[in-house]
């Protein structure tokens, strides 16, 4: 069962094209067969929460808390790893900051 902090590999449809690609994403929560995730990019110039190789990422990456979307459970290829409890707290804190911006 997927939960907050799980990093998955999933099929993702990009908003600017009809193309579907397999990309990593961070699970925020699951409800029924829907999973709300944050995108992950290896473009470390982007803003977000860093994710490093020492945290089990394949390469240094950024968790993009400004890129939230819902996927079907059927689009998940596999679970890659889970974030540490400290990193999950950071994700929640940063996400709440975004929600509370005026």
Protein backbone atom coordinates (compact mmCIF):
# COMPACT_ATOMS: atom_id res chain seq x y z
CA UNK A 1 0.00 0.00 0.00
CA UNK A 2 1.43 3.36 -1.04
CA UNK A 3 1.67 6.19 1.49
CA UNK A 4 3.14 9.63 2.09
CA UNK A 5 6.85 9.64 1.36
CA UNK A 6 6.96 6.75 -1.08
CA UNK A 7 8.86 7.54 -4.27
CA UNK A 8 7.37 5.70 -7.22
CA UNK A 9 7.96 5.26 -10.92
CA UNK A 10 4.75 6.04 -12.77
CA UNK A 11 3.31 6.86 -16.16
CA UNK A 12 2.70 10.60 -16.25
CA UNK A 13 0.87 12.67 -18.87
CA UNK A 14 2.44 16.07 -19.30
CA UNK A 15 0.13 19.08 -19.29
CA UNK A 16 1.63 20.69 -22.38
CA UNK A 17 1.46 17.58 -24.60
CA UNK A 18 -0.51 14.39 -24.93
CA UNK A 19 2.68 12.42 -24.39
CA UNK A 20 2.87 9.92 -21.53
CA UNK A 21 6.29 9.24 -20.02
CA UNK A 22 7.54 7.12 -17.15
CA UNK A 23 8.80 9.44 -14.41
CA UNK A 24 9.49 9.40 -10.67
CA UNK A 25 6.96 10.99 -8.34
CA UNK A 26 6.43 11.41 -4.60
CA UNK A 27 3.25 9.99 -3.11
CA UNK A 28 1.38 12.56 -1.00
CA UNK A 29 -1.67 10.42 -0.35
CA UNK A 30 -3.81 7.66 -1.81
CA UNK A 31 -7.57 7.51 -1.82
CA UNK A 32 -9.41 4.64 -3.48
CA UNK A 33 -7.51 3.93 -6.72
CA UNK A 34 -6.28 7.52 -7.05
CA UNK A 35 -2.85 8.67 -5.93
CA UNK A 36 -1.98 12.34 -5.44
CA UNK A 37 1.69 12.89 -6.19
CA UNK A 38 4.32 15.59 -6.56
CA UNK A 39 6.55 15.46 -9.60
CA UNK A 40 10.28 14.85 -9.28
CA UNK A 41 12.85 16.27 -11.70
CA UNK A 42 16.57 15.78 -12.12
CA UNK A 43 16.84 19.45 -13.13
CA UNK A 44 18.41 20.70 -9.91
CA UNK A 45 18.02 24.33 -11.07
CA UNK A 46 14.28 24.12 -10.36
CA UNK A 47 12.74 25.16 -7.04
CA UNK A 48 11.58 22.56 -4.58
CA UNK A 49 12.82 20.13 -1.96
CA UNK A 50 16.13 18.46 -2.75
CA UNK A 51 16.40 14.71 -3.01
CA UNK A 52 19.91 13.29 -3.08
CA UNK A 53 21.60 10.06 -4.05
CA UNK A 54 22.42 9.50 -0.39
CA UNK A 55 18.63 9.33 0.18
CA UNK A 56 18.38 6.49 -2.39
CA UNK A 57 17.53 8.68 -5.41
CA UNK A 58 19.08 7.47 -8.67
CA UNK A 59 20.47 10.98 -9.15
CA UNK A 60 20.25 14.28 -7.32
CA UNK A 61 16.76 15.64 -7.93
CA UNK A 62 14.12 18.15 -6.89
CA UNK A 63 10.67 17.30 -5.50
CA UNK A 64 8.42 19.88 -7.18
CA UNK A 65 5.72 20.78 -4.67
CA UNK A 66 4.31 23.19 -7.26
CA UNK A 67 3.61 20.28 -9.62
CA UNK A 68 0.88 18.22 -7.94
CA UNK A 69 -1.32 15.85 -9.89
CA UNK A 70 -3.51 12.76 -9.55
CA UNK A 71 -2.78 9.46 -11.20
CA UNK A 72 -4.56 6.15 -11.29
CA UNK A 73 -3.07 3.35 -9.23
CA UNK A 74 -2.80 1.45 -12.53
CA UNK A 75 -0.23 4.00 -13.74
CA UNK A 76 2.28 3.04 -11.03
CA UNK A 77 5.09 0.88 -12.40
CA UNK A 78 6.83 0.29 -9.05
CA UNK A 79 7.80 1.72 -5.69
CA UNK A 80 11.44 2.83 -5.67
CA UNK A 81 12.04 3.77 -2.01
CA UNK A 82 10.60 5.71 0.93
CA UNK A 83 11.73 9.03 2.38
CA UNK A 84 13.05 9.25 5.92
CA UNK A 85 10.66 10.49 8.63
CA UNK A 86 12.66 13.77 8.80
CA UNK A 87 12.32 14.31 5.03
CA UNK A 88 8.59 13.59 5.19
CA UNK A 89 8.22 16.26 7.90
CA UNK A 90 10.10 18.71 5.66
CA UNK A 91 7.82 17.88 2.70
CA UNK A 92 4.71 18.49 4.83
CA UNK A 93 6.12 21.75 6.20
CA UNK A 94 7.06 23.06 2.76
CA UNK A 95 3.72 22.02 1.28
CA UNK A 96 1.83 23.79 4.07
CA UNK A 97 3.86 26.96 3.39
CA UNK A 98 2.69 26.82 -0.22
CA UNK A 99 -0.93 26.33 0.85
CA UNK A 100 -0.75 29.26 3.26
CA UNK A 101 0.75 31.78 0.81
CA UNK A 102 -1.45 34.79 0.25
